[in-house]
PDB file of N, CA and C in Angstrom:
ATOM      1  N   MET A   1      12.677   7.676   4.529  1.00  0.00           N
ATOM      2  CA  MET A   1      11.948   8.899   4.898  1.00  0.00           C
ATOM      3  C   MET A   1      12.640   9.902   4.671  1.00  0.00           C
ATOM      4  N   PRO A   2      12.388  10.598   3.269  1.00  0.00           N
ATOM      5  CA  PRO A   2      13.228  11.832   2.766  1.00  0.00           C
ATOM      6  C   PRO A   2      12.857  12.957   3.904  1.00  0.00           C
ATOM      7  N   CYS A   3      13.794  13.885   3.977  1.00  0.00           N
ATOM      8  CA  CYS A   3      13.966  15.029   5.023  1.00  0.00           C
ATOM      9  C   CYS A   3      14.241  16.526   4.158  1.00  0.00           C
ATOM     10  N   LEU A   4      13.400  17.000   4.084  1.00  0.00           N
ATOM     11  CA  LEU A   4      13.753  18.402   3.711  1.00  0.00           C
ATOM     12  C   LEU A   4      13.622  19.478   4.891  1.00  0.00           C
ATOM     13  N   LYS A   5      15.052  19.917   4.791  1.00  0.00           N
ATOM     14  CA  LYS A   5      15.165  21.459   5.848  1.00  0.00           C
ATOM     15  C   LYS A   5      15.553  22.356   5.529  1.00  0.00           C
ATOM     16  N   ILE A   6      14.658  23.582   5.771  1.00  0.00           N
ATOM     17  CA  ILE A   6      14.626  24.969   5.382  1.00  0.00           C
ATOM     18  C   ILE A   6      15.076  25.691   6.452  1.00  0.00           C
ATOM     19  N   MET A   7      16.277  26.425   6.125  1.00  0.00           N
ATOM     20  CA  MET A   7      16.674  27.841   6.841  1.00  0.00           C
ATOM     21  C   MET A   7      16.358  29.165   5.991  1.00  0.00           C
ATOM     22  N   THR A   8      15.654  30.071   6.685  1.00  0.00           N
ATOM     23  CA  THR A   8      15.462  31.219   5.841  1.00  0.00           C
ATOM     24  C   THR A   8      15.253  32.499   6.702  1.00  0.00           C
ATOM     25  N   ASN A   9      15.928  33.329   6.050  1.00  0.00           N
ATOM     26  CA  ASN A   9      15.612  34.894   6.905  1.00  0.00           C
ATOM     27  C   ASN A   9      14.284  35.481   6.956  1.00  0.00           C
ATOM     28  N   ILE A  10      13.276  35.011   6.362  1.00  0.00           N
ATOM     29  CA  ILE A  10      11.851  35.310   6.165  1.00  0.00           C
ATOM     30  C   ILE A  10      11.091  34.983   7.306  1.00  0.00           C
ATOM     31  N   VAL A  11      10.515  35.751   8.086  1.00  0.00           N
ATOM     32  CA  VAL A  11       9.749  35.823   9.168  1.00  0.00           C
ATOM     33  C   VAL A  11       8.717  34.814   9.022  1.00  0.00           C
ATOM     34  N   LYS A  12       8.175  34.016  10.238  1.00  0.00           N
ATOM     35  CA  LYS A  12       7.011  33.515  10.098  1.00  0.00           C
ATOM     36  C   LYS A  12       5.720  33.984   9.230  1.00  0.00           C
ATOM     37  N   SER A  13       5.715  35.263   9.972  1.00  0.00           N
ATOM     38  CA  SER A  13       4.476  35.669   9.407  1.00  0.00           C
ATOM     39  C   SER A  13       4.154  36.289   7.998  1.00  0.00           C
ATOM     40  N   ASN A  14       5.243  35.686   7.208  1.00  0.00           N
ATOM     41  CA  ASN A  14       5.430  35.812   5.708  1.00  0.00           C
ATOM     42  C   ASN A  14       5.736  34.602   4.698  1.00  0.00           C
ATOM     43  N   ILE A  15       5.463  33.759   5.802  1.00  0.00           N
ATOM     44  CA  ILE A  15       5.682  32.138   5.091  1.00  0.00           C
ATOM     45  C   ILE A  15       3.941  31.696   5.158  1.00  0.00           C
ATOM     46  N   PRO A  16       3.348  31.272   3.948  1.00  0.00           N
ATOM     47  CA  PRO A  16       1.956  30.846   3.943  1.00  0.00           C
ATOM     48  C   PRO A  16       1.548  30.082   4.955  1.00  0.00           C
ATOM     49  N   GLU A  17       0.488  29.900   5.650  1.00  0.00           N
ATOM     50  CA  GLU A  17       0.174  28.906   6.611  1.00  0.00           C
ATOM     51  C   GLU A  17       0.358  27.450   5.954  1.00  0.00           C
ATOM     52  N   ASP A  18      -0.281  27.499   4.632  1.00  0.00           N
ATOM     53  CA  ASP A  18      -0.458  26.183   4.055  1.00  0.00           C
ATOM     54  C   ASP A  18       0.957  25.659   3.319  1.00  0.00           C
ATOM     55  N   PHE A  19       2.192  26.135   3.636  1.00  0.00           N
ATOM     56  CA  PHE A  19       3.567  26.171   3.025  1.00  0.00           C
ATOM     57  C   PHE A  19       3.436  24.545   2.967  1.00  0.00           C
ATOM     58  N   MET A  20       3.727  23.803   4.450  1.00  0.00           N
ATOM     59  CA  MET A  20       3.931  22.505   4.234  1.00  0.00           C
ATOM     60  C   MET A  20       3.069  21.620   3.622  1.00  0.00           C
ATOM     61  N   THR A  21       1.785  21.942   3.551  1.00  0.00           N
ATOM     62  CA  THR A  21       1.009  21.239   2.720  1.00  0.00           C
ATOM     63  C   THR A  21       1.083  21.129   1.342  1.00  0.00           C
ATOM     64  N   LYS A  22       1.641  22.140   0.824  1.00  0.00           N
ATOM     65  CA  LYS A  22       1.894  22.622  -0.651  1.00  0.00           C
ATOM     66  C   LYS A  22       3.378  21.982  -0.877  1.00  0.00           C
ATOM     67  N   VAL A  23       4.244  21.727  -0.012  1.00  0.00           N
ATOM     68  CA  VAL A  23       5.662  21.422  -0.472  1.00  0.00           C
ATOM     69  C   VAL A  23       5.601  19.934  -0.918  1.00  0.00           C
ATOM     70  N   ILE A  24       4.793  19.217   0.128  1.00  0.00           N
ATOM     71  CA  ILE A  24       4.805  17.723   0.200  1.00  0.00           C
ATOM     72  C   ILE A  24       4.780  17.258  -1.408  1.00  0.00           C
ATOM     73  N   PRO A  25       3.691  17.821  -1.943  1.00  0.00           N
ATOM     74  CA  PRO A  25       3.418  17.513  -3.186  1.00  0.00           C
ATOM     75  C   PRO A  25       4.783  17.660  -4.481  1.00  0.00           C
ATOM     76  N   VAL A  26       5.334  18.574  -3.924  1.00  0.00           N
ATOM     77  CA  VAL A  26       6.503  18.961  -4.902  1.00  0.00           C
ATOM     78  C   VAL A  26       7.392  17.763  -4.708  1.00  0.00           C
ATOM     79  N   LEU A  27       7.493  17.573  -3.211  1.00  0.00           N
ATOM     80  CA  LEU A  27       8.774  16.538  -3.298  1.00  0.00           C
ATOM     81  C   LEU A  27       8.250  15.354  -3.612  1.00  0.00           C
ATOM     82  N   VAL A  28       6.973  14.964  -3.460  1.00  0.00           N
ATOM     83  CA  VAL A  28       6.693  13.443  -4.045  1.00  0.00           C
ATOM     84  C   VAL A  28       7.035  13.495  -5.340  1.00  0.00           C
ATOM     85  N   GLU A  29       6.695  14.629  -6.196  1.00  0.00           N
ATOM     86  CA  GLU A  29       6.934  14.749  -7.750  1.00  0.00           C
ATOM     87  C   GLU A  29       8.387  14.636  -8.022  1.00  0.00           C
ATOM     88  N   GLY A  30       9.092  15.156  -7.015  1.00  0.00           N
ATOM     89  CA  GLY A  30      11.037  15.237  -7.252  1.00  0.00           C
ATOM     90  C   GLY A  30      11.201  13.997  -6.789  1.00  0.00           C
ATOM     91  N   VAL A  31      11.278  13.452  -5.809  1.00  0.00           N
ATOM     92  CA  VAL A  31      11.909  12.454  -5.184  1.00  0.00           C
ATOM     93  C   VAL A  31      11.210  10.958  -5.437  1.00  0.00           C
ATOM     94  N   ARG A  32       9.984  11.156  -5.670  1.00  0.00           N
ATOM     95  CA  ARG A  32       9.195  10.168  -6.277  1.00  0.00           C
ATOM     96  C   ARG A  32       9.058   9.075  -5.199  1.00  0.00           C
ATOM     97  N   LYS A  33       8.587   9.610  -4.096  1.00  0.00           N
ATOM     98  CA  LYS A  33       8.300   8.234  -2.797  1.00  0.00           C
ATOM     99  C   LYS A  33       7.045   9.081  -2.286  1.00  0.00           C
ATOM    100  N   PRO A  34       6.223   8.202  -1.629  1.00  0.00           N
ATOM    101  CA  PRO A  34       4.993   8.183  -1.064  1.00  0.00           C
ATOM    102  C   PRO A  34       4.668   9.844  -0.141  1.00  0.00           C
ATOM    103  N   PRO A  35       4.023  10.337  -0.252  1.00  0.00           N
ATOM    104  CA  PRO A  35       3.535  11.430   0.605  1.00  0.00           C
ATOM    105  C   PRO A  35       3.682  11.069   2.171  1.00  0.00           C
ATOM    106  N   GLU A  36       3.558  10.244   2.426  1.00  0.00           N
ATOM    107  CA  GLU A  36       3.453   9.865   3.915  1.00  0.00           C
ATOM    108  C   GLU A  36       4.871   9.354   4.517  1.00  0.00           C
ATOM    109  N   THR A  37       5.656   9.704   3.629  1.00  0.00           N
ATOM    110  CA  THR A  37       7.343   9.261   3.954  1.00  0.00           C
ATOM    111  C   THR A  37       7.900  10.528   4.269  1.00  0.00           C
ATOM    112  N   PHE A  38       7.487  11.847   3.835  1.00  0.00           N
ATOM    113  CA  PHE A  38       8.497  12.910   3.868  1.00  0.00           C
ATOM    114  C   PHE A  38       8.092  13.332   5.389  1.00  0.00           C
ATOM    115  N   ILE A  39       9.572  14.016   5.647  1.00  0.00           N
ATOM    116  CA  ILE A  39       9.847  15.019   7.039  1.00  0.00           C
ATOM    117  C   ILE A  39      10.078  16.415   6.504  1.00  0.00           C
ATOM    118  N   CYS A  40       9.558  17.200   6.744  1.00  0.00           N
ATOM    119  CA  CYS A  40       9.812  18.848   6.410  1.00  0.00           C
ATOM    120  C   CYS A  40       9.595  19.550   7.455  1.00  0.00           C
ATOM    121  N   VAL A  41      10.910  20.511   7.682  1.00  0.00           N
ATOM    122  CA  VAL A  41      11.015  21.782   8.862  1.00  0.00           C
ATOM    123  C   VAL A  41      11.361  22.863   7.836  1.00  0.00           C
ATOM    124  N   VAL A  42      10.859  23.757   8.730  1.00  0.00           N
ATOM    125  CA  VAL A  42      11.048  25.256   8.231  1.00  0.00           C
ATOM    126  C   VAL A  42      11.588  26.228   9.442  1.00  0.00           C
ATOM    127  N   GLN A  43      12.936  26.528   9.568  1.00  0.00           N
ATOM    128  CA  GLN A  43      13.331  27.429  10.446  1.00  0.00           C
ATOM    129  C   GLN A  43      13.521  28.760   9.719  1.00  0.00           C
ATOM    130  N   ASP A  44      12.671  29.681  10.570  1.00  0.00           N
ATOM    131  CA  ASP A  44      12.273  30.976  10.019  1.00  0.00           C
ATOM    132  C   ASP A  44      13.039  32.097  10.704  1.00  0.00           C
ATOM    133  N   SER A  45      13.148  33.232  10.217  1.00  0.00           N
ATOM    134  CA  SER A  45      13.758  34.208  10.740  1.00  0.00           C
ATOM    135  C   SER A  45      15.416  34.015  11.378  1.00  0.00           C
ATOM    136  N   CYS A  46      16.211  33.589  10.365  1.00  0.00           N
ATOM    137  CA  CYS A  46      17.523  33.129  10.440  1.00  0.00           C
ATOM    138  C   CYS A  46      18.456  33.978  10.092  1.00  0.00           C
ATOM    139  N   GLN A  47      19.517  34.445  10.515  1.00  0.00           N
ATOM    140  CA  GLN A  47      20.445  35.315   9.918  1.00  0.00           C
ATOM    141  C   GLN A  47      20.952  34.648   8.751  1.00  0.00           C
ATOM    142  N   LEU A  48      20.755  35.272   7.916  1.00  0.00           N
ATOM    143  CA  LEU A  48      21.384  34.641   6.525  1.00  0.00           C
ATOM    144  C   LEU A  48      21.789  35.508   5.583  1.00  0.00           C
ATOM    145  N   THR A  49      23.127  35.023   5.070  1.00  0.00           N
ATOM    146  CA  THR A  49      23.785  35.852   3.954  1.00  0.00           C
ATOM    147  C   THR A  49      23.831  35.253   2.802  1.00  0.00           C
ATOM    148  N   ILE A  50      23.535  35.548   1.451  1.00  0.00           N
ATOM    149  CA  ILE A  50      23.705  34.757   0.661  1.00  0.00           C
ATOM    150  C   ILE A  50      24.145  36.168  -0.575  1.00  0.00           C
ATOM    151  N   ASN A  51      25.082  35.360  -1.423  1.00  0.00           N
ATOM    152  CA  ASN A  51      26.004  36.344  -2.160  1.00  0.00           C
ATOM    153  C   ASN A  51      26.596  37.722  -1.689  1.00  0.00           C
ATOM    154  N   GLY A  52      26.410  37.844  -0.420  1.00  0.00           N
ATOM    155  CA  GLY A  52      27.032  39.011   0.380  1.00  0.00           C
ATOM    156  C   GLY A  52      25.874  39.952   0.839  1.00  0.00           C
ATOM    157  N   ASN A  53      24.733  39.438   0.592  1.00  0.00           N
ATOM    158  CA  ASN A  53      23.855  40.154   0.972  1.00  0.00           C
ATOM    159  C   ASN A  53      22.799  39.641   2.032  1.00  0.00           C
ATOM    160  N   SER A  54      22.503  40.153   3.253  1.00  0.00           N
ATOM    161  CA  SER A  54      21.431  39.439   4.155  1.00  0.00           C
ATOM    162  C   SER A  54      20.496  40.150   4.697  1.00  0.00           C
ATOM    163  N   THR A  55      20.154  41.320   3.776  1.00  0.00           N
ATOM    164  CA  THR A  55      18.697  42.010   3.721  1.00  0.00           C
ATOM    165  C   THR A  55      17.769  41.565   2.637  1.00  0.00           C
ATOM    166  N   LEU A  56      17.921  40.546   1.761  1.00  0.00           N
ATOM    167  CA  LEU A  56      17.124  40.112   0.628  1.00  0.00           C
ATOM    168  C   LEU A  56      16.637  38.748   1.258  1.00  0.00           C
ATOM    169  N   PRO A  57      15.327  38.223   1.063  1.00  0.00           N
ATOM    170  CA  PRO A  57      14.824  37.141   1.348  1.00  0.00           C
ATOM    171  C   PRO A  57      15.779  36.032   0.631  1.00  0.00           C
ATOM    172  N   GLY A  58      16.147  35.133   1.458  1.00  0.00           N
ATOM    173  CA  GLY A  58      16.902  33.676   0.858  1.00  0.00           C
ATOM    174  C   GLY A  58      16.322  32.401   1.591  1.00  0.00           C
ATOM    175  N   VAL A  59      16.896  31.408   0.996  1.00  0.00           N
ATOM    176  CA  VAL A  59      16.772  30.027   1.400  1.00  0.00           C
ATOM    177  C   VAL A  59      17.941  29.241   1.582  1.00  0.00           C
ATOM    178  N   ILE A  60      18.125  28.250   2.384  1.00  0.00           N
ATOM    179  CA  ILE A  60      19.184  27.292   2.167  1.00  0.00           C
ATOM    180  C   ILE A  60      18.447  26.167   2.501  1.00  0.00           C
ATOM    181  N   ALA A  61      18.687  25.118   2.140  1.00  0.00           N
ATOM    182  CA  ALA A  61      17.638  23.961   2.236  1.00  0.00           C
ATOM    183  C   ALA A  61      18.709  22.795   1.985  1.00  0.00           C
ATOM    184  N   THR A  62      18.597  21.341   2.475  1.00  0.00           N
ATOM    185  CA  THR A  62      19.043  20.349   2.550  1.00  0.00           C
ATOM    186  C   THR A  62      18.094  19.454   2.258  1.00  0.00           C
ATOM    187  N   LEU A  63      18.030  18.195   1.470  1.00  0.00           N
ATOM    188  CA  LEU A  63      17.201  17.219   1.112  1.00  0.00           C
ATOM    189  C   LEU A  63      17.850  16.006   1.349  1.00  0.00           C
ATOM    190  N   GLU A  64      17.487  15.231   2.022  1.00  0.00           N
ATOM    191  CA  GLU A  64      18.047  13.932   2.604  1.00  0.00           C
ATOM    192  C   GLU A  64      16.920  12.693   2.066  1.00  0.00           C
ATOM    193  N   SER A  65      17.676  11.855   1.654  1.00  0.00           N
ATOM    194  CA  SER A  65      16.641  10.463   1.369  1.00  0.00           C
ATOM    195  C   SER A  65      17.642   9.788   1.303  1.00  0.00           C
ATOM    196  N   ILE A  66      16.855   7.991   1.429  1.00  0.00           N
ATOM    197  CA  ILE A  66      17.885   6.772   1.206  1.00  0.00           C
ATOM    198  C   ILE A  66      17.276   6.583  -0.314  1.00  0.00           C
ATOM    199  N   GLY A  67      17.990   6.820  -1.295  1.00  0.00           N
ATOM    200  CA  GLY A  67      17.666   6.569  -2.633  1.00  0.00           C
ATOM    201  C   GLY A  67      16.889   7.644  -3.175  1.00  0.00           C
ATOM    202  N   ASN A  68      17.018   7.572  -4.519  1.00  0.00           N
ATOM    203  CA  ASN A  68      16.080   8.324  -5.331  1.00  0.00           C
ATOM    204  C   ASN A  68      16.381   9.782  -5.441  1.00  0.00           C
ATOM    205  N   LEU A  69      18.326   9.891  -5.336  1.00  0.00           N
ATOM    206  CA  LEU A  69      18.577  11.102  -5.578  1.00  0.00           C
ATOM    207  C   LEU A  69      20.004  10.658  -6.486  1.00  0.00           C
ATOM    208  N   GLY A  70      20.736  11.798  -7.035  1.00  0.00           N
ATOM    209  CA  GLY A  70      21.323  11.318  -7.859  1.00  0.00           C
ATOM    210  C   GLY A  70      21.414  12.586  -9.012  1.00  0.00           C
ATOM    211  N   SER A  71      22.363  12.312 -10.155  1.00  0.00           N
ATOM    212  CA  SER A  71      22.767  13.168 -11.219  1.00  0.00           C
ATOM    213  C   SER A  71      21.167  13.830 -11.477  1.00  0.00           C
ATOM    214  N   GLU A  72      20.728  12.923 -12.157  1.00  0.00           N
ATOM    215  CA  GLU A  72      19.423  13.106 -13.085  1.00  0.00           C
ATOM    216  C   GLU A  72      18.103  13.445 -12.092  1.00  0.00           C
ATOM    217  N   ASN A  73      17.896  12.840 -11.021  1.00  0.00           N
ATOM    218  CA  ASN A  73      16.927  13.053 -10.174  1.00  0.00           C
ATOM    219  C   ASN A  73      16.960  14.632  -9.651  1.00  0.00           C
ATOM    220  N   ASN A  74      18.367  14.879  -9.145  1.00  0.00           N
ATOM    221  CA  ASN A  74      18.865  16.085  -8.375  1.00  0.00           C
ATOM    222  C   ASN A  74      18.313  17.193  -9.242  1.00  0.00           C
ATOM    223  N   LYS A  75      18.681  16.874 -10.646  1.00  0.00           N
ATOM    224  CA  LYS A  75      18.326  18.278 -11.844  1.00  0.00           C
ATOM    225  C   LYS A  75      16.911  18.493 -11.835  1.00  0.00           C
ATOM    226  N   ARG A  76      16.055  17.326 -11.798  1.00  0.00           N
ATOM    227  CA  ARG A  76      14.525  17.675 -11.732  1.00  0.00           C
ATOM    228  C   ARG A  76      14.243  18.380 -10.128  1.00  0.00           C
ATOM    229  N   ILE A  77      14.561  17.675  -9.212  1.00  0.00           N
ATOM    230  CA  ILE A  77      14.097  18.008  -8.060  1.00  0.00           C
ATOM    231  C   ILE A  77      14.496  19.886  -7.711  1.00  0.00           C
ATOM    232  N   VAL A  78      15.757  19.849  -7.924  1.00  0.00           N
ATOM    233  CA  VAL A  78      15.899  21.359  -7.905  1.00  0.00           C
ATOM    234  C   VAL A  78      15.431  22.366  -8.562  1.00  0.00           C
ATOM    235  N   LYS A  79      14.922  21.876  -9.825  1.00  0.00           N
ATOM    236  CA  LYS A  79      14.372  22.876 -10.802  1.00  0.00           C
ATOM    237  C   LYS A  79      12.626  22.867 -10.007  1.00  0.00           C
ATOM    238  N   LEU A  80      11.997  21.868  -9.588  1.00  0.00           N
ATOM    239  CA  LEU A  80      10.844  21.985  -9.022  1.00  0.00           C
ATOM    240  C   LEU A  80      10.931  22.759  -7.476  1.00  0.00           C
ATOM    241  N   LEU A  81      11.897  22.515  -6.921  1.00  0.00           N
ATOM    242  CA  LEU A  81      11.938  23.318  -5.592  1.00  0.00           C
ATOM    243  C   LEU A  81      12.125  24.486  -5.833  1.00  0.00           C
ATOM    244  N   THR A  82      13.106  25.093  -6.480  1.00  0.00           N
ATOM    245  CA  THR A  82      13.323  26.331  -6.799  1.00  0.00           C
ATOM    246  C   THR A  82      12.475  27.205  -7.243  1.00  0.00           C
ATOM    247  N   ALA A  83      11.373  26.549  -8.466  1.00  0.00           N
ATOM    248  CA  ALA A  83      10.416  27.151  -8.715  1.00  0.00           C
ATOM    249  C   ALA A  83       8.974  27.230  -7.888  1.00  0.00           C
ATOM    250  N   PHE A  84       8.937  26.505  -6.595  1.00  0.00           N
ATOM    251  CA  PHE A  84       8.082  26.393  -5.625  1.00  0.00           C
ATOM    252  C   PHE A  84       8.365  27.541  -4.451  1.00  0.00           C
ATOM    253  N   ILE A  85       9.498  27.584  -4.240  1.00  0.00           N
ATOM    254  CA  ILE A  85      10.347  28.391  -3.155  1.00  0.00           C
ATOM    255  C   ILE A  85      10.198  30.033  -3.690  1.00  0.00           C
ATOM    256  N   GLU A  86      10.218  29.729  -4.964  1.00  0.00           N
ATOM    257  CA  GLU A  86      10.214  31.613  -5.917  1.00  0.00           C
ATOM    258  C   GLU A  86       8.618  31.800  -5.885  1.00  0.00           C
ATOM    259  N   LYS A  87       7.471  30.978  -5.872  1.00  0.00           N
ATOM    260  CA  LYS A  87       6.345  31.190  -6.060  1.00  0.00           C
ATOM    261  C   LYS A  87       5.560  31.380  -4.575  1.00  0.00           C
ATOM    262  N   GLU A  88       6.247  30.608  -3.866  1.00  0.00           N
ATOM    263  CA  GLU A  88       5.529  30.542  -2.356  1.00  0.00           C
ATOM    264  C   GLU A  88       6.164  31.560  -1.342  1.00  0.00           C
ATOM    265  N   LEU A  89       7.556  32.063  -1.652  1.00  0.00           N
ATOM    266  CA  LEU A  89       8.029  32.580  -0.471  1.00  0.00           C
ATOM    267  C   LEU A  89       8.640  33.734  -1.255  1.00  0.00           C
ATOM    268  N   GLY A  90       8.531  33.955  -2.655  1.00  0.00           N
ATOM    269  CA  GLY A  90       9.230  35.168  -3.441  1.00  0.00           C
ATOM    270  C   GLY A  90      10.678  35.077  -3.521  1.00  0.00           C
ATOM    271  N   VAL A  91      10.879  33.988  -2.992  1.00  0.00           N
ATOM    272  CA  VAL A  91      12.578  34.154  -3.132  1.00  0.00           C
ATOM    273  C   VAL A  91      13.142  33.823  -4.448  1.00  0.00           C
ATOM    274  N   PRO A  92      13.976  34.786  -5.372  1.00  0.00           N
ATOM    275  CA  PRO A  92      14.649  34.545  -6.661  1.00  0.00           C
ATOM    276  C   PRO A  92      15.428  33.550  -6.854  1.00  0.00           C
ATOM    277  N   PRO A  93      15.281  32.694  -7.739  1.00  0.00           N
ATOM    278  CA  PRO A  93      16.418  31.778  -7.839  1.00  0.00           C
ATOM    279  C   PRO A  93      17.769  31.840  -7.364  1.00  0.00           C
ATOM    280  N   ASN A  94      18.337  32.949  -7.592  1.00  0.00           N
ATOM    281  CA  ASN A  94      19.870  33.262  -7.141  1.00  0.00           C
ATOM    282  C   ASN A  94      19.750  33.396  -5.621  1.00  0.00           C
ATOM    283  N   ARG A  95      19.023  33.259  -4.686  1.00  0.00           N
ATOM    284  CA  ARG A  95      18.931  33.546  -4.026  1.00  0.00           C
ATOM    285  C   ARG A  95      18.476  32.006  -2.904  1.00  0.00           C
ATOM    286  N   PHE A  96      18.438  31.091  -3.607  1.00  0.00           N
ATOM    287  CA  PHE A  96      17.874  29.646  -3.148  1.00  0.00           C
ATOM    288  C   PHE A  96      19.265  28.748  -3.307  1.00  0.00           C
ATOM    289  N   PHE A  97      19.556  28.117  -2.174  1.00  0.00           N
ATOM    290  CA  PHE A  97      20.687  26.859  -2.112  1.00  0.00           C
ATOM    291  C   PHE A  97      20.120  25.897  -1.817  1.00  0.00           C
ATOM    292  N   LEU A  98      20.594  24.883  -2.292  1.00  0.00           N
ATOM    293  CA  LEU A  98      19.891  23.302  -2.157  1.00  0.00           C
ATOM    294  C   LEU A  98      21.135  22.642  -2.235  1.00  0.00           C
ATOM    295  N   THR A  99      21.208  21.826  -1.116  1.00  0.00           N
ATOM    296  CA  THR A  99      22.267  20.438  -1.149  1.00  0.00           C
ATOM    297  C   THR A  99      21.348  19.257  -0.801  1.00  0.00           C
ATOM    298  N   PHE A 100      21.817  18.117  -1.542  1.00  0.00           N
ATOM    299  CA  PHE A 100      21.349  16.992  -1.457  1.00  0.00           C
ATOM    300  C   PHE A 100      22.242  15.884  -0.631  1.00  0.00           C
ATOM    301  N   TYR A 101      21.854  14.969   0.013  1.00  0.00           N
ATOM    302  CA  TYR A 101      22.567  14.003   1.002  1.00  0.00           C
ATOM    303  C   TYR A 101      21.634  12.737   0.705  1.00  0.00           C
ATOM    304  N   ASP A 102      22.635  11.500  -0.492  1.00  0.00           N
ATOM    305  CA  ASP A 102      21.696  10.125  -0.639  1.00  0.00           C
ATOM    306  C   ASP A 102      22.383   9.255   0.632  1.00  0.00           C
ATOM    307  N   LEU A 103      21.209   9.431   1.550  1.00  0.00           N
ATOM    308  CA  LEU A 103      21.750   8.559   2.958  1.00  0.00           C
ATOM    309  C   LEU A 103      21.680   6.819   2.672  1.00  0.00           C
ATOM    310  N   GLU A 104      22.561   6.316   3.277  1.00  0.00           N
ATOM    311  CA  GLU A 104      22.417   4.639   3.574  1.00  0.00           C
ATOM    312  C   GLU A 104      21.458   4.314   4.699  1.00  0.00           C
ATOM    313  N   THR A 105      21.354   3.217   4.388  1.00  0.00           N
ATOM    314  CA  THR A 105      20.059   2.888   5.227  1.00  0.00           C
ATOM    315  C   THR A 105      20.513   2.644   6.989  1.00  0.00           C
ATOM    316  N   TYR A 106      21.987   2.296   6.945  1.00  0.00           N
ATOM    317  CA  TYR A 106      22.782   2.243   8.407  1.00  0.00           C
ATOM    318  C   TYR A 106      22.794   3.365   9.077  1.00  0.00           C
ATOM    319  N   ASN A 107      22.531   4.585   8.331  1.00  0.00           N
ATOM    320  CA  ASN A 107      23.088   5.964   8.983  1.00  0.00           C
ATOM    321  C   ASN A 107      21.840   6.386   9.202  1.00  0.00           C
ATOM    322  N   VAL A 108      20.545   5.857   9.053  1.00  0.00           N
ATOM    323  CA  VAL A 108      19.185   6.418   9.533  1.00  0.00           C
ATOM    324  C   VAL A 108      18.290   5.648  10.273  1.00  0.00           C
ATOM    325  N   GLY A 109      17.991   6.335  11.364  1.00  0.00           N
ATOM    326  CA  GLY A 109      17.521   5.699  12.388  1.00  0.00           C
ATOM    327  C   GLY A 109      15.787   6.213  12.614  1.00  0.00           C
ATOM    328  N   LYS A 110      14.946   5.222  13.153  1.00  0.00           N
ATOM    329  CA  LYS A 110      13.488   5.521  13.385  1.00  0.00           C
ATOM    330  C   LYS A 110      12.998   4.799  14.671  1.00  0.00           C
ATOM    331  N   GLY A 111      12.384   4.977  15.426  1.00  0.00           N
ATOM    332  CA  GLY A 111      12.013   4.428  16.431  1.00  0.00           C
ATOM    333  C   GLY A 111      12.845   3.264  17.113  1.00  0.00           C
ATOM    334  N   GLY A 112      13.878   3.784  17.418  1.00  0.00           N
ATOM    335  CA  GLY A 112      15.249   3.212  18.020  1.00  0.00           C
ATOM    336  C   GLY A 112      15.739   2.065  17.379  1.00  0.00           C
ATOM    337  N   ILE A 113      15.539   2.133  15.824  1.00  0.00           N
ATOM    338  CA  ILE A 113      16.383   0.949  15.539  1.00  0.00           C
ATOM    339  C   ILE A 113      16.946   1.627  13.874  1.00  0.00           C
ATOM    340  N   THR A 114      17.876   1.154  13.452  1.00  0.00           N
ATOM    341  CA  THR A 114      18.270   1.896  11.925  1.00  0.00           C
ATOM    342  C   THR A 114      17.376   1.417  11.024  1.00  0.00           C
ATOM    343  N   ILE A 115      17.054   1.848   9.793  1.00  0.00           N
ATOM    344  CA  ILE A 115      16.088   1.757   8.598  1.00  0.00           C
ATOM    345  C   ILE A 115      16.906   0.356   8.041  1.00  0.00           C
ATOM    346  N   GLU A 116      17.900  -0.051   8.272  1.00  0.00           N
ATOM    347  CA  GLU A 116      18.806  -1.021   7.538  1.00  0.00           C
ATOM    348  C   GLU A 116      18.138  -2.372   8.640  1.00  0.00           C
ATOM    349  N   THR A 117      18.317  -2.116   9.756  1.00  0.00           N
ATOM    350  CA  THR A 117      17.675  -3.568  10.420  1.00  0.00           C
ATOM    351  C   THR A 117      15.864  -3.593  10.858  1.00  0.00           C
ATOM    352  N   LEU A 118      15.476  -2.388  10.438  1.00  0.00           N
ATOM    353  CA  LEU A 118      13.952  -2.726  10.069  1.00  0.00           C
ATOM    354  C   LEU A 118      13.665  -3.167   8.734  1.00  0.00           C
ATOM    355  N   LEU A 119      14.712  -2.820   7.875  1.00  0.00           N
ATOM    356  CA  LEU A 119      14.446  -3.756   6.431  1.00  0.00           C
ATOM    357  C   LEU A 119      14.702  -5.196   6.345  1.00  0.00           C
ATOM    358  N   GLU A 120      15.619  -5.385   7.168  1.00  0.00           N
ATOM    359  CA  GLU A 120      16.051  -6.930   7.606  1.00  0.00           C
ATOM    360  C   GLU A 120      15.060  -7.615   8.158  1.00  0.00           C
ATOM    361  N   ASN A 121      14.155  -7.088   8.702  1.00  0.00           N
ATOM    362  CA  ASN A 121      13.426  -7.833   9.863  1.00  0.00           C
ATOM    363  C   ASN A 121      11.974  -7.792   9.100  1.00  0.00           C
ATOM    364  N   MET A 122      11.906  -7.494   7.789  1.00  0.00           N
ATOM    365  CA  MET A 122      10.816  -7.165   7.123  1.00  0.00           C
ATOM    366  C   MET A 122      10.308  -8.559   6.212  1.00  0.00           C
TER     367      MET A 122
END
């Protein structure tokens, strides 16, 4: 279950209503997992400083996934998400910061069990 978490100083009224609908296909293309597996959250109106400036729009994000992350995949993903964030939110590339976390199945839980246990019982 890949999870994209976005924190931004952009106010909610300036985030397109269809932002979540539009970001999922970008994640599908980048991470190469089915759309129904993605989780995405946007926290707007954050106090945020990037490059010493807190007045310009900016985005800090994390992308977590069990697999499908790594050197080559991350290059493709960051390119796709940077272009998307710039187009949809007007945030220039130098004001977008993304970190990746490739998770182990024993470090992710859903429905009261770990993904490791879920996969063992399949």
